[in-house]
Amino acid sequence: MCDVTPRAEVALPADPSAARRAREFLRRAACPVHHGGPLERALLLLSELAVNAVLHGAPPVAASVDCRVDVLRLTVSDGSTERPRHHRSPAHAESGRGVDLVDSLSEAWGVRVGPAGKDVWCDVAG
């Protein structure tokens, strides 16, 4: 973690407003080192993780950010133990590309499953 900004976490509603709340949280919590392009990418990715948790996971839903010297670690937790899956969506589909988006726009991502649910995390280079 950077030596200026502590890890931050927020509970999110288990409804469509979770994405907006996650973005508001990240704008307040991210350290100034990561503003600009990295923050814009992080906002998009955190929104996607939050929406996926609401649509495909289970309450409770929470988001956290760890500001590190060279990377933002974004994590969204939910109460489901089901892992995210890659889908082959048709070009005209309005959804189904979330995991591909996280995979292509983050430096790394993964899932930790425990007895109470899962954490889906991704790293955004600063």
Protein backbone atom coordinates (compact mmCIF):
# COMPACT_ATOMS: atom_id res chain seq x y z
CA MET A 1 0.00 0.00 0.00
CA CYS A 2 1.19 3.55 -0.50
CA ASP A 3 2.35 5.35 2.60
CA VAL A 4 -0.35 8.04 2.28
CA THR A 5 -3.70 6.35 1.64
CA PRO A 6 -5.06 3.58 3.87
CA ARG A 7 -7.15 0.69 2.56
CA ALA A 8 -10.80 1.73 2.28
CA GLU A 9 -13.99 -0.32 2.16
CA VAL A 10 -17.68 0.42 1.67
CA ALA A 11 -20.88 -1.61 1.86
CA LEU A 12 -22.86 -1.47 -1.37
CA PRO A 13 -26.59 -1.88 -1.92
CA ALA A 14 -27.62 -5.11 -3.62
CA ASP A 15 -29.41 -3.21 -6.37
CA PRO A 16 -28.51 -1.35 -9.59
CA SER A 17 -27.31 1.73 -7.66
CA ALA A 18 -24.28 -0.31 -6.51
CA ALA A 19 -22.24 0.74 -9.56
CA ARG A 20 -22.79 4.46 -8.94
CA ARG A 21 -22.06 4.09 -5.23
CA ALA A 22 -18.88 2.14 -6.00
CA ARG A 23 -17.66 4.91 -8.35
CA GLU A 24 -18.42 7.62 -5.76
CA PHE A 25 -16.52 5.62 -3.15
CA LEU A 26 -13.48 5.15 -5.39
CA ARG A 27 -13.32 8.85 -6.33
CA ARG A 28 -13.12 9.69 -2.60
CA ALA A 29 -10.83 6.82 -1.56
CA ALA A 30 -8.17 6.65 -4.31
CA CYS A 31 -4.95 8.49 -3.64
CA PRO A 32 -3.93 11.40 -5.92
CA VAL A 33 -1.10 9.34 -7.44
CA HIS A 34 -3.64 7.28 -9.36
CA HIS A 35 -5.81 10.10 -10.74
CA GLY A 36 -6.19 10.57 -14.49
CA GLY A 37 -6.21 7.61 -16.87
CA PRO A 38 -5.66 4.91 -14.24
CA LEU A 39 -8.54 6.21 -12.12
CA GLU A 40 -10.89 6.35 -15.11
CA ARG A 41 -10.08 2.74 -15.94
CA ALA A 42 -10.46 1.78 -12.27
CA LEU A 43 -13.88 3.45 -12.12
CA LEU A 44 -15.07 1.43 -15.09
CA LEU A 45 -13.71 -1.83 -13.68
CA LEU A 46 -15.10 -1.29 -10.19
CA SER A 47 -18.51 -0.51 -11.70
CA GLU A 48 -18.39 -3.74 -13.67
CA LEU A 49 -17.39 -5.79 -10.63
CA ALA A 50 -20.19 -4.20 -8.56
CA VAL A 51 -22.83 -4.85 -11.23
CA ASN A 52 -21.70 -8.46 -11.58
CA ALA A 53 -21.90 -8.95 -7.81
CA VAL A 54 -25.46 -7.60 -7.75
CA LEU A 55 -26.67 -9.50 -10.83
CA HIS A 56 -24.87 -12.81 -10.33
CA GLY A 57 -23.88 -12.85 -6.65
CA ALA A 58 -25.73 -12.48 -3.37
CA PRO A 59 -25.84 -9.97 -0.53
CA PRO A 60 -23.96 -8.63 1.28
CA VAL A 61 -21.99 -6.71 -1.35
CA ALA A 62 -18.95 -4.57 -0.51
CA ALA A 63 -16.11 -2.85 -2.36
CA SER A 64 -12.59 -2.04 -1.26
CA VAL A 65 -9.54 -0.33 -2.68
CA ASP A 66 -5.91 -0.69 -1.72
CA CYS A 67 -3.69 2.09 -3.09
CA ARG A 68 -0.21 0.76 -3.68
CA VAL A 69 2.76 2.59 -5.11
CA ASP A 70 2.29 1.22 -8.62
CA VAL A 71 -1.21 -0.28 -8.64
CA LEU A 72 -4.76 0.08 -7.38
CA ARG A 73 -6.18 -3.21 -6.08
CA LEU A 74 -9.96 -3.17 -6.45
CA THR A 75 -12.05 -5.84 -4.74
CA VAL A 76 -15.79 -6.51 -4.71
CA SER A 77 -17.14 -9.09 -2.28
CA ASP A 78 -20.50 -10.80 -2.27
CA GLY A 79 -22.21 -13.64 -0.45
CA SER A 80 -22.20 -16.17 -3.31
CA THR A 81 -19.51 -18.81 -3.73
CA GLU A 82 -20.15 -19.13 -7.49
CA ARG A 83 -17.15 -18.01 -9.55
CA PRO A 84 -17.48 -15.55 -12.45
CA ARG A 85 -17.48 -17.20 -15.88
CA HIS A 86 -16.34 -16.13 -19.33
CA HIS A 87 -19.23 -16.03 -21.80
CA ARG A 88 -19.13 -15.97 -25.57
CA SER A 89 -21.69 -13.24 -26.18
CA PRO A 90 -23.05 -12.47 -29.63
CA ALA A 91 -22.04 -9.09 -31.04
CA HIS A 92 -25.57 -7.72 -30.59
CA ALA A 93 -25.87 -8.82 -26.91
CA GLU A 94 -26.25 -6.02 -24.35
CA SER A 95 -24.51 -7.95 -21.57
CA GLY A 96 -22.23 -10.89 -20.93
CA ARG A 97 -18.83 -9.28 -21.50
CA GLY A 98 -17.97 -8.27 -17.93
CA VAL A 99 -15.28 -10.85 -17.24
CA ASP A 100 -13.69 -10.18 -20.64
CA LEU A 101 -13.67 -6.45 -19.88
CA VAL A 102 -11.98 -6.99 -16.51
CA ASP A 103 -9.51 -9.38 -18.10
CA SER A 104 -8.54 -6.98 -20.88
CA LEU A 105 -8.40 -3.70 -18.91
CA SER A 106 -6.68 -4.85 -15.72
CA GLU A 107 -3.10 -5.97 -15.20
CA ALA A 108 -4.29 -9.02 -13.27
CA TRP A 109 -7.49 -10.31 -11.71
CA GLY A 110 -8.71 -13.25 -9.71
CA VAL A 111 -11.26 -14.74 -7.36
CA ARG A 112 -10.96 -15.88 -3.75
CA VAL A 113 -13.81 -18.10 -2.56
CA GLY A 114 -14.47 -18.74 1.09
CA PRO A 115 -17.29 -20.18 3.17
CA ALA A 116 -19.12 -16.83 3.35
CA GLY A 117 -18.83 -15.84 -0.31
CA LYS A 118 -16.22 -14.58 -2.73
CA ASP A 119 -13.91 -11.67 -3.46
CA VAL A 120 -13.31 -10.72 -7.07
CA TRP A 121 -10.26 -8.47 -7.39
CA CYS A 122 -8.34 -6.72 -10.14
CA ASP A 123 -5.20 -4.58 -10.33
CA VAL A 124 -5.04 -1.32 -12.26
CA ALA A 125 -1.55 0.05 -12.92
CA GLY A 126 -0.92 3.61 -11.86
